């Protein structure tokens, strides 16, 4: 057994006696977040208190302490050690004839820290009406567009060119498919990136309403797209909206979803299929989302990889049957509310 170098130990302020928050990824398992108190983890607590609070050079770790430290994810076998996972920013997407590039400081949204560097710019995608990161050579950055020029790309007239059928369908049925949510290169990398995070143990295990999945709540990279897509959602809905929260969901064996309607922070939901194995003969997911329509009938919605669906989850009840044995499904969920919503956004 060895110390998990990817684990983080935080002393929670204000508590007497102090308590420790342990956050530890485990390869092949899931992310563990545990509050260590003297009553719940007495042996591990004694060791951590000696090492951190008392600054003991060699705190005692008996067999009970070692067992608890292992259960917390602080001590692991060599094959359980997680390796870092990076989002790969692709330079090849710069090959198009027309390139509009800006720096991260010009964007009005929160940009992930790992993209705030000299060799990353952001390129405009006309089909999706969003900005995405691209790699450029340091010291050889292309001529960048002025902010006043690129702001005109996000005008109402630009958005009128997409989603016309979807706006009508959403208004009449409460759900609609969306084309070109994100560029293909972005979707492909998001699938690889979040699958790797799951494999390396950086996603948290969560079970609720029959759903068994590995999740990331408001992950910075997912949040970047979540914020950008708000303009498009507002135009689809026909009223101002704002983002509430996002979920990365990697569904596990035995997962299903009971019939339900969503909580207040989920007035409008986008479910974006990043990856599914195996697909059916028509290239679709074999795990349909079941939506009870306004006429009382149930719609079976089978997405292809890269398909996005927006639906009014507070109004329309929805469910899924059990994920077929041997199947894998990875989705991004983006939730939105009306702009005047005053409640909890989580």
C-alpha atoms as a PDB file:
ATOM      1  CA  UNK A   1       0.000   0.000   0.000  1.00  0.00           C
ATOM      2  CA  UNK A   2       1.167   3.544  -0.705  1.00  0.00           C
ATOM      3  CA  UNK A   3      -0.071   7.083  -0.198  1.00  0.00           C
ATOM      4  CA  UNK A   4      -2.534   8.295  -2.828  1.00  0.00           C
ATOM      5  CA  UNK A   5      -0.706  11.296  -4.296  1.00  0.00           C
ATOM      6  CA  UNK A   6      -3.901  12.473  -6.020  1.00  0.00           C
ATOM      7  CA  UNK A   7      -5.793  12.735  -2.713  1.00  0.00           C
ATOM      8  CA  UNK A   8      -6.514  16.063  -1.041  1.00  0.00           C
ATOM      9  CA  UNK A   9      -6.811  16.604   2.731  1.00  0.00           C
ATOM     10  CA  UNK A  10      -8.518  19.773   3.986  1.00  0.00           C
ATOM     11  CA  UNK A  11      -8.867  20.841   7.611  1.00  0.00           C
ATOM     12  CA  UNK A  12     -12.399  22.170   8.017  1.00  0.00           C
ATOM     13  CA  UNK A  13     -12.292  25.555   9.719  1.00  0.00           C
ATOM     14  CA  UNK A  14     -14.238  26.462  12.835  1.00  0.00           C
ATOM     15  CA  UNK A  15     -14.801  22.933  14.121  1.00  0.00           C
ATOM     16  CA  UNK A  16     -13.727  21.893  17.627  1.00  0.00           C
ATOM     17  CA  UNK A  17     -12.203  19.381  17.536  1.00  0.00           C
ATOM     18  CA  UNK A  18     -11.055  19.943  13.929  1.00  0.00           C
ATOM     19  CA  UNK A  19     -12.357  17.598  11.244  1.00  0.00           C
ATOM     20  CA  UNK A  20     -10.735  16.553   7.976  1.00  0.00           C
ATOM     21  CA  UNK A  21     -12.263  16.424   4.504  1.00  0.00           C
ATOM     22  CA  UNK A  22     -10.668  13.663   2.426  1.00  0.00           C
ATOM     23  CA  UNK A  23     -11.127  13.836  -1.356  1.00  0.00           C
ATOM     24  CA  UNK A  24      -9.568  10.880  -3.133  1.00  0.00           C
ATOM     25  CA  UNK A  25      -9.879   9.449  -6.651  1.00  0.00           C
ATOM     26  CA  UNK A  26      -9.261   5.720  -7.150  1.00  0.00           C
ATOM     27  CA  UNK A  27      -8.547   4.237 -10.559  1.00  0.00           C
ATOM     28  CA  UNK A  28     -11.198   1.708 -11.519  1.00  0.00           C
ATOM     29  CA  UNK A  29     -13.480   2.942  -8.749  1.00  0.00           C
ATOM     30  CA  UNK A  30     -15.029   6.344  -8.034  1.00  0.00           C
ATOM     31  CA  UNK A  31     -14.194   9.635  -6.381  1.00  0.00           C
ATOM     32  CA  UNK A  32     -14.466   9.501  -2.581  1.00  0.00           C
ATOM     33  CA  UNK A  33     -15.307  12.555  -0.500  1.00  0.00           C
ATOM     34  CA  UNK A  34     -15.436  11.796   3.226  1.00  0.00           C
ATOM     35  CA  UNK A  35     -15.587  13.928   6.356  1.00  0.00           C
ATOM     36  CA  UNK A  36     -13.325  12.339   8.961  1.00  0.00           C
ATOM     37  CA  UNK A  37     -14.523  12.914  12.531  1.00  0.00           C
ATOM     38  CA  UNK A  38     -13.272  11.276  15.760  1.00  0.00           C
ATOM     39  CA  UNK A  39     -16.518   9.359  16.280  1.00  0.00           C
ATOM     40  CA  UNK A  40     -16.863   7.923  12.748  1.00  0.00           C
ATOM     41  CA  UNK A  41     -13.193   7.300  11.895  1.00  0.00           C
ATOM     42  CA  UNK A  42     -11.395   7.198  15.280  1.00  0.00           C
ATOM     43  CA  UNK A  43      -8.174   5.519  14.174  1.00  0.00           C
ATOM     44  CA  UNK A  44      -7.691   7.464  10.938  1.00  0.00           C
ATOM     45  CA  UNK A  45      -8.638  10.646  12.805  1.00  0.00           C
ATOM     46  CA  UNK A  46      -5.984  10.029  15.447  1.00  0.00           C
ATOM     47  CA  UNK A  47      -3.357   9.539  12.756  1.00  0.00           C
ATOM     48  CA  UNK A  48      -4.385  12.643  10.765  1.00  0.00           C
ATOM     49  CA  UNK A  49      -4.614  14.785  13.890  1.00  0.00           C
ATOM     50  CA  UNK A  50      -1.112  13.741  14.894  1.00  0.00           C
ATOM     51  CA  UNK A  51       0.366  14.317  11.445  1.00  0.00           C
ATOM     52  CA  UNK A  52      -1.392  17.588  10.568  1.00  0.00           C
ATOM     53  CA  UNK A  53      -2.495  19.334  13.758  1.00  0.00           C
ATOM     54  CA  UNK A  54       0.254  18.194  16.127  1.00  0.00           C
ATOM     55  CA  UNK A  55       2.950  18.056  13.410  1.00  0.00           C
ATOM     56  CA  UNK A  56       4.261  14.749  14.742  1.00  0.00           C
ATOM     57  CA  UNK A  57       7.182  13.519  12.587  1.00  0.00           C
ATOM     58  CA  UNK A  58       6.092   9.863  12.826  1.00  0.00           C
ATOM     59  CA  UNK A  59       2.472   9.537  14.002  1.00  0.00           C
ATOM     60  CA  UNK A  60       1.424   6.040  15.019  1.00  0.00           C
ATOM     61  CA  UNK A  61      -0.529   4.094  12.402  1.00  0.00           C
ATOM     62  CA  UNK A  62      -1.647   0.748  13.802  1.00  0.00           C
ATOM     63  CA  UNK A  63      -3.503  -1.863  11.764  1.00  0.00           C
ATOM     64  CA  UNK A  64      -6.887  -0.276  12.495  1.00  0.00           C
ATOM     65  CA  UNK A  65      -5.649   3.137  11.349  1.00  0.00           C
ATOM     66  CA  UNK A  66      -4.147   1.654   8.189  1.00  0.00           C
ATOM     67  CA  UNK A  67      -7.438  -0.084   7.397  1.00  0.00           C
ATOM     68  CA  UNK A  68      -9.417   3.140   7.819  1.00  0.00           C
ATOM     69  CA  UNK A  69      -6.916   5.149   5.767  1.00  0.00           C
ATOM     70  CA  UNK A  70      -7.337   2.549   3.028  1.00  0.00           C
ATOM     71  CA  UNK A  71     -11.128   2.796   3.151  1.00  0.00           C
ATOM     72  CA  UNK A  72     -10.828   6.572   2.850  1.00  0.00           C
ATOM     73  CA  UNK A  73      -8.705   6.223  -0.281  1.00  0.00           C
ATOM     74  CA  UNK A  74      -5.565   7.691   1.274  1.00  0.00           C
ATOM     75  CA  UNK A  75      -3.678   4.389   1.121  1.00  0.00           C
ATOM     76  CA  UNK A  76      -4.022   2.438  -2.118  1.00  0.00           C
ATOM     77  CA  UNK A  77      -2.472  -0.367  -4.105  1.00  0.00           C
ATOM     78  CA  UNK A  78      -0.219   0.640  -6.993  1.00  0.00           C
ATOM     79  CA  UNK A  79      -2.842  -0.234  -9.609  1.00  0.00           C
ATOM     80  CA  UNK A  80      -5.389   2.015  -7.848  1.00  0.00           C
ATOM     81  CA  UNK A  81      -3.293   5.170  -8.270  1.00  0.00           C
ATOM     82  CA  UNK A  82      -5.049   7.653 -10.535  1.00  0.00           C
ATOM     83  CA  UNK A  83      -3.143   9.439 -13.276  1.00  0.00           C
ATOM     84  CA  UNK A  84      -3.987  13.016 -14.303  1.00  0.00           C
ATOM     85  CA  UNK A  85      -6.436  13.474 -17.182  1.00  0.00           C
ATOM     86  CA  UNK A  86      -6.194  16.504 -19.467  1.00  0.00           C
ATOM     87  CA  UNK A  87      -8.645  17.882 -21.996  1.00  0.00           C
ATOM     88  CA  UNK A  88      -6.792  17.810 -25.325  1.00  0.00           C
ATOM     89  CA  UNK A  89      -7.135  21.097 -27.152  1.00  0.00           C
ATOM     90  CA  UNK A  90      -6.954  20.282 -30.873  1.00  0.00           C
ATOM     91  CA  UNK A  91      -5.009  22.484 -33.324  1.00  0.00           C
ATOM     92  CA  UNK A  92      -6.484  20.778 -36.418  1.00  0.00           C
ATOM     93  CA  UNK A  93      -9.780  22.637 -36.131  1.00  0.00           C
ATOM     94  CA  UNK A  94      -7.971  25.745 -37.375  1.00  0.00           C
ATOM     95  CA  UNK A  95      -7.856  24.372 -40.915  1.00  0.00           C
ATOM     96  CA  UNK A  96     -11.065  26.105 -42.074  1.00  0.00           C
ATOM     97  CA  UNK A  97     -10.842  28.995 -44.561  1.00  0.00           C
ATOM     98  CA  UNK A  98     -12.367  31.551 -42.189  1.00  0.00           C
ATOM     99  CA  UNK A  99     -11.060  31.754 -38.662  1.00  0.00           C
ATOM    100  CA  UNK A 100     -12.211  34.225 -36.021  1.00  0.00           C
ATOM    101  CA  UNK A 101     -10.037  33.966 -32.921  1.00  0.00           C
ATOM    102  CA  UNK A 102     -10.061  35.669 -29.534  1.00  0.00           C
ATOM    103  CA  UNK A 103      -8.283  35.323 -26.196  1.00  0.00           C
ATOM    104  CA  UNK A 104      -9.975  33.982 -23.085  1.00  0.00           C
ATOM    105  CA  UNK A 105     -10.012  37.409 -21.433  1.00  0.00           C
ATOM    106  CA  UNK A 106     -12.450  38.641 -24.099  1.00  0.00           C
ATOM    107  CA  UNK A 107     -15.051  35.997 -23.289  1.00  0.00           C
ATOM    108  CA  UNK A 108     -17.848  36.951 -20.857  1.00  0.00           C
ATOM    109  CA  UNK A 109     -18.045  33.423 -19.390  1.00  0.00           C
ATOM    110  CA  UNK A 110     -15.906  31.651 -16.832  1.00  0.00           C
ATOM    111  CA  UNK A 111     -13.109  29.899 -18.722  1.00  0.00           C
ATOM    112  CA  UNK A 112     -11.538  26.739 -17.232  1.00  0.00           C
ATOM    113  CA  UNK A 113      -8.193  27.493 -15.622  1.00  0.00           C
ATOM    114  CA  UNK A 114      -6.334  25.023 -17.838  1.00  0.00           C
ATOM    115  CA  UNK A 115      -7.384  27.006 -20.933  1.00  0.00           C
ATOM    116  CA  UNK A 116      -6.141  30.342 -19.618  1.00  0.00           C
ATOM    117  CA  UNK A 117      -2.730  30.148 -21.270  1.00  0.00           C
ATOM    118  CA  UNK A 118      -0.797  31.710 -24.142  1.00  0.00           C
ATOM    119  CA  UNK A 119      -1.083  28.769 -26.525  1.00  0.00           C
ATOM    120  CA  UNK A 120      -4.901  28.568 -26.356  1.00  0.00           C
ATOM    121  CA  UNK A 121      -7.272  30.826 -28.274  1.00  0.00           C
ATOM    122  CA  UNK A 122     -10.992  30.495 -28.927  1.00  0.00           C
ATOM    123  CA  UNK A 123     -12.480  30.000 -32.368  1.00  0.00           C
ATOM    124  CA  UNK A 124     -16.014  30.778 -33.537  1.00  0.00           C
ATOM    125  CA  UNK A 125     -18.154  27.870 -34.772  1.00  0.00           C
ATOM    126  CA  UNK A 126     -20.810  29.232 -37.181  1.00  0.00           C
ATOM    127  CA  UNK A 127     -23.008  26.108 -37.114  1.00  0.00           C
ATOM    128  CA  UNK A 128     -23.286  25.948 -33.310  1.00  0.00           C
ATOM    129  CA  UNK A 129     -22.871  29.664 -32.601  1.00  0.00           C
ATOM    130  CA  UNK A 130     -20.335  29.028 -29.842  1.00  0.00           C
ATOM    131  CA  UNK A 131     -16.652  29.575 -29.074  1.00  0.00           C
ATOM    132  CA  UNK A 132     -14.366  26.591 -28.533  1.00  0.00           C
ATOM    133  CA  UNK A 133     -10.666  26.287 -27.572  1.00  0.00           C
ATOM    134  CA  UNK A 134      -7.973  25.744 -30.183  1.00  0.00           C
ATOM    135  CA  UNK A 135      -4.221  25.338 -29.853  1.00  0.00           C
ATOM    136  CA  UNK A 136      -1.904  27.945 -31.381  1.00  0.00           C
ATOM    137  CA  UNK A 137       1.870  28.293 -31.380  1.00  0.00           C
ATOM    138  CA  UNK A 138       3.202  30.487 -28.579  1.00  0.00           C
ATOM    139  CA  UNK A 139       4.762  33.596 -30.068  1.00  0.00           C
ATOM    140  CA  UNK A 140       3.039  32.947 -33.375  1.00  0.00           C
ATOM    141  CA  UNK A 141      -0.548  33.738 -32.440  1.00  0.00           C
ATOM    142  CA  UNK A 142      -2.813  34.679 -35.352  1.00  0.00           C
ATOM    143  CA  UNK A 143      -4.343  38.096 -35.668  1.00  0.00           C
ATOM    144  CA  UNK A 144      -7.160  38.257 -33.145  1.00  0.00           C
ATOM    145  CA  UNK A 145     -10.577  39.761 -33.774  1.00  0.00           C
ATOM    146  CA  UNK A 146     -11.654  42.808 -31.826  1.00  0.00           C
ATOM    147  CA  UNK A 147     -14.378  42.249 -29.267  1.00  0.00           C
ATOM    148  CA  UNK A 148     -16.720  44.718 -30.952  1.00  0.00           C
ATOM    149  CA  UNK A 149     -16.502  42.736 -34.181  1.00  0.00           C
ATOM    150  CA  UNK A 150     -17.177  39.267 -32.781  1.00  0.00           C
ATOM    151  CA  UNK A 151     -20.054  40.392 -30.570  1.00  0.00           C
ATOM    152  CA  UNK A 152     -22.085  40.880 -33.745  1.00  0.00           C
ATOM    153  CA  UNK A 153     -21.856  37.124 -34.378  1.00  0.00           C
ATOM    154  CA  UNK A 154     -24.207  36.446 -31.472  1.00  0.00           C
ATOM    155  CA  UNK A 155     -27.042  38.699 -32.639  1.00  0.00           C
ATOM    156  CA  UNK A 156     -30.666  37.661 -32.901  1.00  0.00           C
ATOM    157  CA  UNK A 157     -30.414  37.418 -36.684  1.00  0.00           C
ATOM    158  CA  UNK A 158     -27.564  34.906 -36.417  1.00  0.00           C
ATOM    159  CA  UNK A 159     -29.575  32.666 -34.123  1.00  0.00           C
ATOM    160  CA  UNK A 160     -32.658  32.919 -36.322  1.00  0.00           C
ATOM    161  CA  UNK A 161     -30.833  30.754 -38.868  1.00  0.00           C
ATOM    162  CA  UNK A 162     -30.912  27.690 -36.603  1.00  0.00           C
ATOM    163  CA  UNK A 163     -33.517  25.878 -34.527  1.00  0.00           C
ATOM    164  CA  UNK A 164     -36.617  27.135 -36.389  1.00  0.00           C
ATOM    165  CA  UNK A 165     -38.297  23.675 -36.358  1.00  0.00           C
ATOM    166  CA  UNK A 166     -37.074  23.073 -32.807  1.00  0.00           C
ATOM    167  CA  UNK A 167     -38.639  26.298 -31.516  1.00  0.00           C
ATOM    168  CA  UNK A 168     -42.000  25.287 -32.948  1.00  0.00           C
ATOM    169  CA  UNK A 169     -41.752  21.739 -31.598  1.00  0.00           C
ATOM    170  CA  UNK A 170     -40.741  22.922 -28.121  1.00  0.00           C
ATOM    171  CA  UNK A 171     -43.664  25.353 -27.998  1.00  0.00           C
ATOM    172  CA  UNK A 172     -46.242  22.776 -29.080  1.00  0.00           C
ATOM    173  CA  UNK A 173     -44.917  19.557 -27.539  1.00  0.00           C
ATOM    174  CA  UNK A 174     -42.632  20.623 -24.678  1.00  0.00           C
ATOM    175  CA  UNK A 175     -39.587  18.851 -26.131  1.00  0.00           C
ATOM    176  CA  UNK A 176     -37.491  19.140 -29.292  1.00  0.00           C
ATOM    177  CA  UNK A 177     -34.311  17.873 -30.918  1.00  0.00           C
ATOM    178  CA  UNK A 178     -31.386  20.261 -31.444  1.00  0.00           C
ATOM    179  CA  UNK A 179     -28.901  20.110 -34.297  1.00  0.00           C
ATOM    180  CA  UNK A 180     -25.230  21.128 -34.071  1.00  0.00           C
ATOM    181  CA  UNK A 181     -25.178  21.623 -30.311  1.00  0.00           C
ATOM    182  CA  UNK A 182     -21.356  21.480 -30.233  1.00  0.00           C
ATOM    183  CA  UNK A 183     -18.722  20.951 -32.951  1.00  0.00           C
ATOM    184  CA  UNK A 184     -17.876  17.320 -33.727  1.00  0.00           C
ATOM    185  CA  UNK A 185     -14.278  17.696 -32.525  1.00  0.00           C
ATOM    186  CA  UNK A 186     -15.523  19.072 -29.205  1.00  0.00           C
ATOM    187  CA  UNK A 187     -18.079  16.295 -28.711  1.00  0.00           C
ATOM    188  CA  UNK A 188     -15.487  13.622 -29.512  1.00  0.00           C
ATOM    189  CA  UNK A 189     -12.978  15.052 -27.055  1.00  0.00           C
ATOM    190  CA  UNK A 190     -15.599  15.539 -24.334  1.00  0.00           C
ATOM    191  CA  UNK A 191     -16.519  11.852 -24.638  1.00  0.00           C
ATOM    192  CA  UNK A 192     -12.874  10.736 -24.392  1.00  0.00           C
ATOM    193  CA  UNK A 193     -12.118  13.163 -21.565  1.00  0.00           C
ATOM    194  CA  UNK A 194     -15.051  12.288 -19.314  1.00  0.00           C
ATOM    195  CA  UNK A 195     -14.705   8.572 -19.986  1.00  0.00           C
ATOM    196  CA  UNK A 196     -11.039   8.848 -18.921  1.00  0.00           C
ATOM    197  CA  UNK A 197     -12.006  10.801 -15.792  1.00  0.00           C
ATOM    198  CA  UNK A 198     -14.394   7.991 -14.908  1.00  0.00           C
ATOM    199  CA  UNK A 199     -11.794   5.294 -15.552  1.00  0.00           C
ATOM    200  CA  UNK A 200      -9.240   7.104 -13.378  1.00  0.00           C
ATOM    201  CA  UNK A 201     -11.684   7.562 -10.495  1.00  0.00           C
ATOM    202  CA  UNK A 202     -12.259  11.317 -10.730  1.00  0.00           C
ATOM    203  CA  UNK A 203     -16.065  11.026 -11.041  1.00  0.00           C
ATOM    204  CA  UNK A 204     -18.302  10.610  -8.002  1.00  0.00           C
ATOM    205  CA  UNK A 205     -20.639   7.631  -7.676  1.00  0.00           C
ATOM    206  CA  UNK A 206     -24.286   8.674  -7.215  1.00  0.00           C
ATOM    207  CA  UNK A 207     -27.521   6.675  -6.919  1.00  0.00           C
ATOM    208  CA  UNK A 208     -30.982   8.294  -6.981  1.00  0.00           C
ATOM    209  CA  UNK A 209     -34.424   7.384  -8.372  1.00  0.00           C
ATOM    210  CA  UNK A 210     -33.012   4.133  -9.691  1.00  0.00           C
ATOM    211  CA  UNK A 211     -30.210   5.889 -11.580  1.00  0.00           C
ATOM    212  CA  UNK A 212     -26.734   4.471 -10.902  1.00  0.00           C
ATOM    213  CA  UNK A 213     -24.030   6.638 -12.395  1.00  0.00           C
ATOM    214  CA  UNK A 214     -20.669   8.325 -12.096  1.00  0.00           C
ATOM    215  CA  UNK A 215     -21.163  12.072 -12.102  1.00  0.00           C
ATOM    216  CA  UNK A 216     -19.439  15.442 -12.089  1.00  0.00           C
ATOM    217  CA  UNK A 217     -21.553  18.346 -10.861  1.00  0.00           C
ATOM    218  CA  UNK A 218     -20.830  21.725 -12.481  1.00  0.00           C
ATOM    219  CA  UNK A 219     -17.489  20.522 -13.830  1.00  0.00           C
ATOM    220  CA  UNK A 220     -15.565  23.593 -15.126  1.00  0.00           C
ATOM    221  CA  UNK A 221     -15.320  22.357 -18.729  1.00  0.00           C
ATOM    222  CA  UNK A 222     -18.987  21.338 -18.896  1.00  0.00           C
ATOM    223  CA  UNK A 223     -19.876  24.651 -17.261  1.00  0.00           C
ATOM    224  CA  UNK A 224     -18.077  26.551 -20.042  1.00  0.00           C
ATOM    225  CA  UNK A 225     -20.453  25.135 -22.675  1.00  0.00           C
ATOM    226  CA  UNK A 226     -23.414  25.381 -20.309  1.00  0.00           C
ATOM    227  CA  UNK A 227     -22.985  29.144 -19.982  1.00  0.00           C
ATOM    228  CA  UNK A 228     -22.492  29.711 -23.703  1.00  0.00           C
ATOM    229  CA  UNK A 229     -25.599  27.767 -24.702  1.00  0.00           C
ATOM    230  CA  UNK A 230     -27.853  30.008 -22.621  1.00  0.00           C
ATOM    231  CA  UNK A 231     -28.311  32.464 -25.522  1.00  0.00           C
ATOM    232  CA  UNK A 232     -29.563  29.646 -27.707  1.00  0.00           C
ATOM    233  CA  UNK A 233     -31.896  28.332 -24.993  1.00  0.00           C
ATOM    234  CA  UNK A 234     -33.406  31.784 -24.460  1.00  0.00           C
ATOM    235  CA  UNK A 235     -34.252  32.030 -28.146  1.00  0.00           C
ATOM    236  CA  UNK A 236     -35.651  28.501 -28.199  1.00  0.00           C
ATOM    237  CA  UNK A 237     -37.869  29.198 -25.196  1.00  0.00           C
ATOM    238  CA  UNK A 238     -38.842  32.674 -26.367  1.00  0.00           C
ATOM    239  CA  UNK A 239     -37.973  34.293 -23.025  1.00  0.00           C
ATOM    240  CA  UNK A 240     -34.817  35.118 -21.043  1.00  0.00           C
ATOM    241  CA  UNK A 241     -33.249  32.152 -19.242  1.00  0.00           C
ATOM    242  CA  UNK A 242     -30.180  31.466 -17.115  1.00  0.00           C
ATOM    243  CA  UNK A 243     -28.083  28.352 -16.407  1.00  0.00           C
ATOM    244  CA  UNK A 244     -28.738  26.498 -13.158  1.00  0.00           C
ATOM    245  CA  UNK A 245     -26.399  23.490 -13.043  1.00  0.00           C
ATOM    246  CA  UNK A 246     -24.813  20.837 -15.235  1.00  0.00           C
ATOM    247  CA  UNK A 247     -24.185  17.121 -14.795  1.00  0.00           C
ATOM    248  CA  UNK A 248     -21.784  14.732 -16.441  1.00  0.00           C
ATOM    249  CA  UNK A 249     -23.521  11.337 -16.234  1.00  0.00           C
ATOM    250  CA  UNK A 250     -21.770   8.044 -16.956  1.00  0.00           C
ATOM    251  CA  UNK A 251     -24.474   5.444 -16.370  1.00  0.00           C
ATOM    252  CA  UNK A 252     -23.655   2.127 -14.691  1.00  0.00           C
ATOM    253  CA  UNK A 253     -24.990  -1.398 -15.078  1.00  0.00           C
ATOM    254  CA  UNK A 254     -28.494  -1.823 -13.663  1.00  0.00           C
ATOM    255  CA  UNK A 255     -29.294   1.871 -13.999  1.00  0.00           C
ATOM    256  CA  UNK A 256     -32.866   2.884 -14.696  1.00  0.00           C
ATOM    257  CA  UNK A 257     -34.954   5.989 -14.053  1.00  0.00           C
ATOM    258  CA  UNK A 258     -38.306   6.011 -12.295  1.00  0.00           C
ATOM    259  CA  UNK A 259     -41.149   8.096 -13.727  1.00  0.00           C
ATOM    260  CA  UNK A 260     -40.807  11.608 -12.323  1.00  0.00           C
ATOM    261  CA  UNK A 261     -40.896  15.322 -13.024  1.00  0.00           C
ATOM    262  CA  UNK A 262     -37.865  17.464 -12.295  1.00  0.00           C
ATOM    263  CA  UNK A 263     -37.003  19.819  -9.447  1.00  0.00           C
ATOM    264  CA  UNK A 264     -37.379  23.634  -9.735  1.00  0.00           C
ATOM    265  CA  UNK A 265     -33.776  24.238 -10.998  1.00  0.00           C
ATOM    266  CA  UNK A 266     -34.545  22.033 -14.029  1.00  0.00           C
ATOM    267  CA  UNK A 267     -37.225  23.996 -15.899  1.00  0.00           C
ATOM    268  CA  UNK A 268     -35.520  23.259 -19.223  1.00  0.00           C
ATOM    269  CA  UNK A 269     -33.058  20.408 -19.681  1.00  0.00           C
ATOM    270  CA  UNK A 270     -30.699  19.520 -22.508  1.00  0.00           C
ATOM    271  CA  UNK A 271     -29.589  15.892 -22.574  1.00  0.00           C
ATOM    272  CA  UNK A 272     -26.609  15.564 -24.916  1.00  0.00           C
ATOM    273  CA  UNK A 273     -25.434  12.044 -25.797  1.00  0.00           C
ATOM    274  CA  UNK A 274     -21.629  11.981 -25.874  1.00  0.00           C
ATOM    275  CA  UNK A 275     -21.101   8.244 -26.178  1.00  0.00           C
ATOM    276  CA  UNK A 276     -23.081   5.002 -26.328  1.00  0.00           C
ATOM    277  CA  UNK A 277     -22.014   1.375 -26.883  1.00  0.00           C
ATOM    278  CA  UNK A 278     -23.341  -0.588 -28.676  1.00  0.00           C
ATOM    279  CA  UNK A 279     -25.739   1.356 -30.903  1.00  0.00           C
ATOM    280  CA  UNK A 280     -28.607  -0.311 -32.763  1.00  0.00           C
ATOM    281  CA  UNK A 281     -28.777  -0.999 -36.519  1.00  0.00           C
ATOM    282  CA  UNK A 282     -29.805   2.628 -37.136  1.00  0.00           C
ATOM    283  CA  UNK A 283     -26.898   4.039 -35.126  1.00  0.00           C
ATOM    284  CA  UNK A 284     -29.091   4.976 -32.175  1.00  0.00           C
ATOM    285  CA  UNK A 285     -28.942   4.416 -28.445  1.00  0.00           C
ATOM    286  CA  UNK A 286     -30.853   1.307 -27.389  1.00  0.00           C
ATOM    287  CA  UNK A 287     -31.804   2.981 -24.100  1.00  0.00           C
ATOM    288  CA  UNK A 288     -34.633   5.393 -24.975  1.00  0.00           C
ATOM    289  CA  UNK A 289     -35.787   8.294 -22.859  1.00  0.00           C
ATOM    290  CA  UNK A 290     -39.514   7.823 -22.273  1.00  0.00           C
ATOM    291  CA  UNK A 291     -41.475  11.091 -22.191  1.00  0.00           C
ATOM    292  CA  UNK A 292     -45.171  11.357 -21.341  1.00  0.00           C
ATOM    293  CA  UNK A 293     -46.472  13.855 -23.867  1.00  0.00           C
ATOM    294  CA  UNK A 294     -49.115  16.517 -23.378  1.00  0.00           C
ATOM    295  CA  UNK A 295     -51.653  14.254 -25.089  1.00  0.00           C
ATOM    296  CA  UNK A 296     -50.943  11.486 -22.571  1.00  0.00           C
ATOM    297  CA  UNK A 297     -49.076   9.236 -24.988  1.00  0.00           C
ATOM    298  CA  UNK A 298     -45.509   8.103 -24.296  1.00  0.00           C
ATOM    299  CA  UNK A 299     -42.747   9.048 -26.740  1.00  0.00           C
ATOM    300  CA  UNK A 300     -39.661   6.813 -27.001  1.00  0.00           C
ATOM    301  CA  UNK A 301     -36.708   9.037 -27.863  1.00  0.00           C
ATOM    302  CA  UNK A 302     -33.630   7.175 -29.110  1.00  0.00           C
ATOM    303  CA  UNK A 303     -30.674   9.483 -29.613  1.00  0.00           C
ATOM    304  CA  UNK A 304     -27.735   9.046 -31.927  1.00  0.00           C
ATOM    305  CA  UNK A 305     -24.303   9.905 -30.589  1.00  0.00           C
ATOM    306  CA  UNK A 306     -24.037  13.695 -30.723  1.00  0.00           C
ATOM    307  CA  UNK A 307     -27.810  14.228 -30.639  1.00  0.00           C
ATOM    308  CA  UNK A 308     -29.238  16.752 -28.187  1.00  0.00           C
ATOM    309  CA  UNK A 309     -32.760  16.947 -26.815  1.00  0.00           C
ATOM    310  CA  UNK A 310     -34.313  19.863 -24.939  1.00  0.00           C
ATOM    311  CA  UNK A 311     -37.400  19.177 -22.853  1.00  0.00           C
ATOM    312  CA  UNK A 312     -39.490  20.791 -20.125  1.00  0.00           C
ATOM    313  CA  UNK A 313     -38.755  18.372 -17.325  1.00  0.00           C
ATOM    314  CA  UNK A 314     -40.863  20.202 -14.755  1.00  0.00           C
ATOM    315  CA  UNK A 315     -43.951  19.669 -16.908  1.00  0.00           C
ATOM    316  CA  UNK A 316     -43.373  16.373 -18.722  1.00  0.00           C
ATOM    317  CA  UNK A 317     -42.804  13.251 -16.642  1.00  0.00           C
ATOM    318  CA  UNK A 318     -40.044  11.031 -17.995  1.00  0.00           C
ATOM    319  CA  UNK A 319     -38.240   7.774 -17.272  1.00  0.00           C
ATOM    320  CA  UNK A 320     -35.902   5.113 -18.634  1.00  0.00           C
ATOM    321  CA  UNK A 321     -36.070   1.335 -18.421  1.00  0.00           C
ATOM    322  CA  UNK A 322     -33.021  -0.541 -17.154  1.00  0.00           C
ATOM    323  CA  UNK A 323     -29.821   0.021 -19.130  1.00  0.00           C
ATOM    324  CA  UNK A 324     -29.305  -3.140 -21.233  1.00  0.00           C
ATOM    325  CA  UNK A 325     -26.624  -5.498 -19.935  1.00  0.00           C
ATOM    326  CA  UNK A 326     -23.193  -4.720 -21.372  1.00  0.00           C
ATOM    327  CA  UNK A 327     -24.220  -1.266 -22.636  1.00  0.00           C
ATOM    328  CA  UNK A 328     -22.451   1.998 -21.781  1.00  0.00           C
ATOM    329  CA  UNK A 329     -24.001   5.453 -21.906  1.00  0.00           C
ATOM    330  CA  UNK A 330     -22.369   8.847 -21.304  1.00  0.00           C
ATOM    331  CA  UNK A 331     -24.333  12.105 -21.412  1.00  0.00           C
ATOM    332  CA  UNK A 332     -24.033  15.767 -20.532  1.00  0.00           C
ATOM    333  CA  UNK A 333     -27.068  17.312 -18.840  1.00  0.00           C
ATOM    334  CA  UNK A 334     -27.494  21.093 -18.972  1.00  0.00           C
ATOM    335  CA  UNK A 335     -30.282  22.570 -16.817  1.00  0.00           C
ATOM    336  CA  UNK A 336     -31.795  26.054 -17.206  1.00  0.00           C
ATOM    337  CA  UNK A 337     -34.433  28.199 -15.507  1.00  0.00           C
ATOM    338  CA  UNK A 338     -36.314  31.359 -16.403  1.00  0.00           C
ATOM    339  CA  UNK A 339     -34.260  34.503 -15.822  1.00  0.00           C
ATOM    340  CA  UNK A 340     -36.550  35.716 -13.016  1.00  0.00           C
ATOM    341  CA  UNK A 341     -36.229  32.446 -11.067  1.00  0.00           C
ATOM    342  CA  UNK A 342     -35.171  33.187  -7.465  1.00  0.00           C
ATOM    343  CA  UNK A 343     -34.727  29.688  -6.023  1.00  0.00           C
ATOM    344  CA  UNK A 344     -31.789  27.365  -5.490  1.00  0.00           C
ATOM    345  CA  UNK A 345     -29.767  26.765  -8.668  1.00  0.00           C
ATOM    346  CA  UNK A 346     -28.444  23.381  -7.520  1.00  0.00           C
END
